[in-house]
Protein backbone atom coordinates (compact mmCIF):
# COMPACT_ATOMS: atom_id res chain seq x y z
CA GLY A 1 82.30 105.84 124.85
CA PRO A 2 83.03 102.32 126.07
CA PRO A 3 83.25 101.63 129.83
CA ARG A 4 86.60 101.76 131.58
CA LYS A 5 88.37 98.41 131.92
CA SER A 6 90.17 97.01 134.95
CA PHE A 7 93.26 94.76 134.98
CA ASP A 8 95.61 93.45 137.65
CA GLY A 9 98.84 95.47 137.46
CA ASN A 10 97.12 98.58 136.05
CA LYS A 11 95.93 101.37 138.34
CA SER A 12 95.09 104.85 137.10
CA GLU A 13 96.86 107.65 138.97
CA VAL A 14 97.92 111.24 138.36
CA VAL A 15 101.51 111.10 137.11
CA LYS A 16 103.82 113.68 138.67
CA PRO A 17 107.11 114.88 137.15
CA GLU A 18 110.39 113.32 138.21
CA LEU A 19 112.04 115.84 140.56
CA LEU A 20 115.49 116.25 139.04
CA ARG A 21 114.81 116.47 135.30
CA HIS A 22 111.03 117.14 135.43
CA GLU A 23 110.39 114.19 133.10
CA LEU A 24 107.04 112.42 133.05
CA TYR A 25 106.66 108.66 132.58
CA LEU A 26 103.15 107.79 131.46
CA LEU A 27 103.19 104.01 131.77
CA ALA A 28 100.69 101.34 130.79
CA THR A 29 100.57 100.53 134.52
CA ASN A 30 99.11 103.97 135.42
CA CYS A 31 96.56 104.78 132.68
CA GLU A 32 92.83 104.35 132.12
CA ILE A 33 92.01 101.68 129.51
CA TYR A 34 88.97 101.75 127.21
CA GLY A 35 87.73 99.86 124.15
CA SER A 36 86.64 96.53 122.75
CA THR A 37 89.99 94.75 122.42
CA LEU A 38 92.66 96.78 124.29
CA VAL A 39 94.15 94.98 127.32
CA PHE A 40 96.96 95.38 129.83
CA GLU A 41 99.52 92.61 129.27
CA ASP A 42 101.36 91.77 132.47
CA LYS A 43 104.32 90.07 130.74
CA TYR A 44 105.69 93.30 129.26
CA LYS A 45 103.58 95.75 131.33
CA ASN A 46 102.16 97.12 128.08
CA LEU A 47 98.87 97.91 126.37
CA GLY A 48 98.30 95.25 123.73
CA PHE A 49 95.73 93.68 121.40
CA TRP A 50 95.08 97.23 120.18
CA SER A 51 92.89 96.30 117.20
CA SER A 52 89.57 98.17 117.50
CA GLU A 53 88.90 101.73 116.40
CA ASN A 54 87.28 102.43 119.81
CA ASP A 55 90.39 101.37 121.81
CA TYR A 56 92.16 104.19 123.65
CA ALA A 57 94.17 104.96 126.76
CA VAL A 58 94.05 108.04 129.01
CA TRP A 59 96.68 109.44 131.36
CA ASN A 60 96.28 112.26 133.86
CA PHE A 61 99.51 114.09 134.61
CA GLU A 62 100.86 117.26 136.20
CA VAL A 63 103.35 119.71 134.72
CA ASP A 64 105.23 121.73 137.35
CA ARG A 65 107.10 124.03 134.91
CA PRO A 66 105.48 125.39 131.75
CA GLY A 67 107.27 125.03 128.44
CA LYS A 68 107.92 122.94 125.38
CA PHE A 69 108.18 119.17 125.83
CA THR A 70 109.48 116.30 123.68
CA VAL A 71 107.17 113.27 123.43
CA MET A 72 108.51 109.72 122.94
CA LEU A 73 106.81 106.34 122.65
CA ASP A 74 108.19 103.13 124.20
CA TYR A 75 106.60 100.47 122.01
CA ALA A 76 106.78 97.32 119.93
CA CYS A 77 105.10 96.56 116.61
CA ASP A 78 105.42 93.53 114.37
CA ASN A 79 106.58 94.55 110.90
CA SER A 80 103.54 92.79 109.36
CA THR A 81 101.11 95.29 110.97
CA ALA A 82 103.25 98.45 110.83
CA GLY A 83 101.80 101.61 109.30
CA ASN A 84 98.66 102.12 111.40
CA GLY A 85 97.97 105.73 112.30
CA PHE A 86 97.74 107.13 115.83
CA VAL A 87 96.61 110.35 117.47
CA LEU A 88 97.98 111.70 120.76
CA GLU A 89 95.85 114.52 122.23
CA VAL A 90 96.42 116.87 125.14
CA GLY A 91 93.66 119.48 125.21
CA ASP A 92 93.56 121.13 121.78
CA ALA A 93 97.08 119.97 120.87
CA GLN A 94 97.58 116.87 118.73
CA ILE A 95 100.48 114.77 117.53
CA THR A 96 99.68 112.35 114.73
CA GLY A 97 101.83 109.69 113.13
CA THR A 98 102.14 106.14 111.93
CA VAL A 99 103.49 103.22 113.91
CA ALA A 100 106.79 101.95 112.48
CA GLY A 101 107.68 98.28 112.79
CA THR A 102 110.23 97.23 115.42
CA GLY A 103 110.71 93.74 113.97
CA ASN A 104 108.30 91.80 116.19
CA TRP A 105 106.03 92.14 119.24
CA ASP A 106 108.93 91.33 121.61
CA THR A 107 111.32 94.06 120.39
CA TYR A 108 110.75 97.44 122.03
CA LYS A 109 112.09 100.75 120.74
CA GLN A 110 111.81 104.39 121.73
CA LEU A 111 110.60 106.83 119.08
CA ARG A 112 110.38 110.63 119.27
CA ILE A 113 107.00 111.60 117.81
CA GLY A 114 106.86 115.37 118.35
CA THR A 115 106.62 118.24 120.81
CA LEU A 116 103.92 119.81 122.95
CA THR A 117 103.73 123.18 124.68
CA LEU A 118 102.20 122.64 128.13
CA ALA A 119 101.13 124.95 130.93
CA ALA A 120 101.97 124.27 134.58
CA ARG A 121 98.81 122.43 135.65
CA GLN A 122 97.10 119.05 135.42
CA HIS A 123 96.54 117.65 131.92
CA ARG A 124 94.75 114.69 130.32
CA LEU A 125 96.46 112.81 127.48
CA ILE A 126 94.53 110.50 125.15
CA PHE A 127 96.30 108.02 122.84
CA ARG A 128 94.08 106.42 120.20
CA PRO A 129 94.05 105.03 116.67
CA ALA A 130 93.67 107.51 113.81
CA GLY A 131 91.11 105.27 112.08
CA LYS A 132 90.66 101.69 110.94
CA ILE A 133 93.41 99.35 112.19
CA ASN A 134 95.14 96.74 110.05
CA GLY A 135 95.80 93.78 112.40
CA ALA A 136 97.01 95.32 115.68
CA MET A 137 98.26 98.90 116.04
CA ILE A 138 100.90 98.82 118.78
CA ASP A 139 102.11 97.30 122.04
CA LEU A 140 102.58 100.47 124.08
CA ARG A 141 104.66 100.31 127.27
CA GLY A 142 104.65 104.03 127.87
CA ILE A 143 104.93 107.64 126.78
CA ARG A 144 107.83 109.77 128.01
CA ILE A 145 107.44 113.53 128.15
CA THR A 146 110.64 115.51 128.74
CA PRO A 147 111.40 119.24 128.80
CA ALA A 148 112.77 120.20 125.37
CA ARG A 149 116.38 121.31 125.41
């Protein structure tokens, strides 16, 4: 695939769960960035200009308690480019969906996209487009993974 990109304000690291609630915050500031057009935007601390099929982001994270987890996106998407598909992969598990508009690129919302069953160990999450992108797919600030209740 394409070489890894480097941006000020973005440094890949293994994300560890928050101690009290065991939540994981996979932020644009702590992922690996790949692709032709994807960049880290310092203004909103997000991944933006997501407009090439070969754009993707990777997070490494640890789960300290096995179980079922809820996955949420913290994102913005202009209504004019809404509807692009995405794939979130952790090992053999996938969550697919389409990006709903939030009004404009400056309005962020949180959206529950599905659940994953994860073992207590280190994992690698890949977030990528599901195919050809109309305009730009998403401005992604982060992915929150929380134990399902």
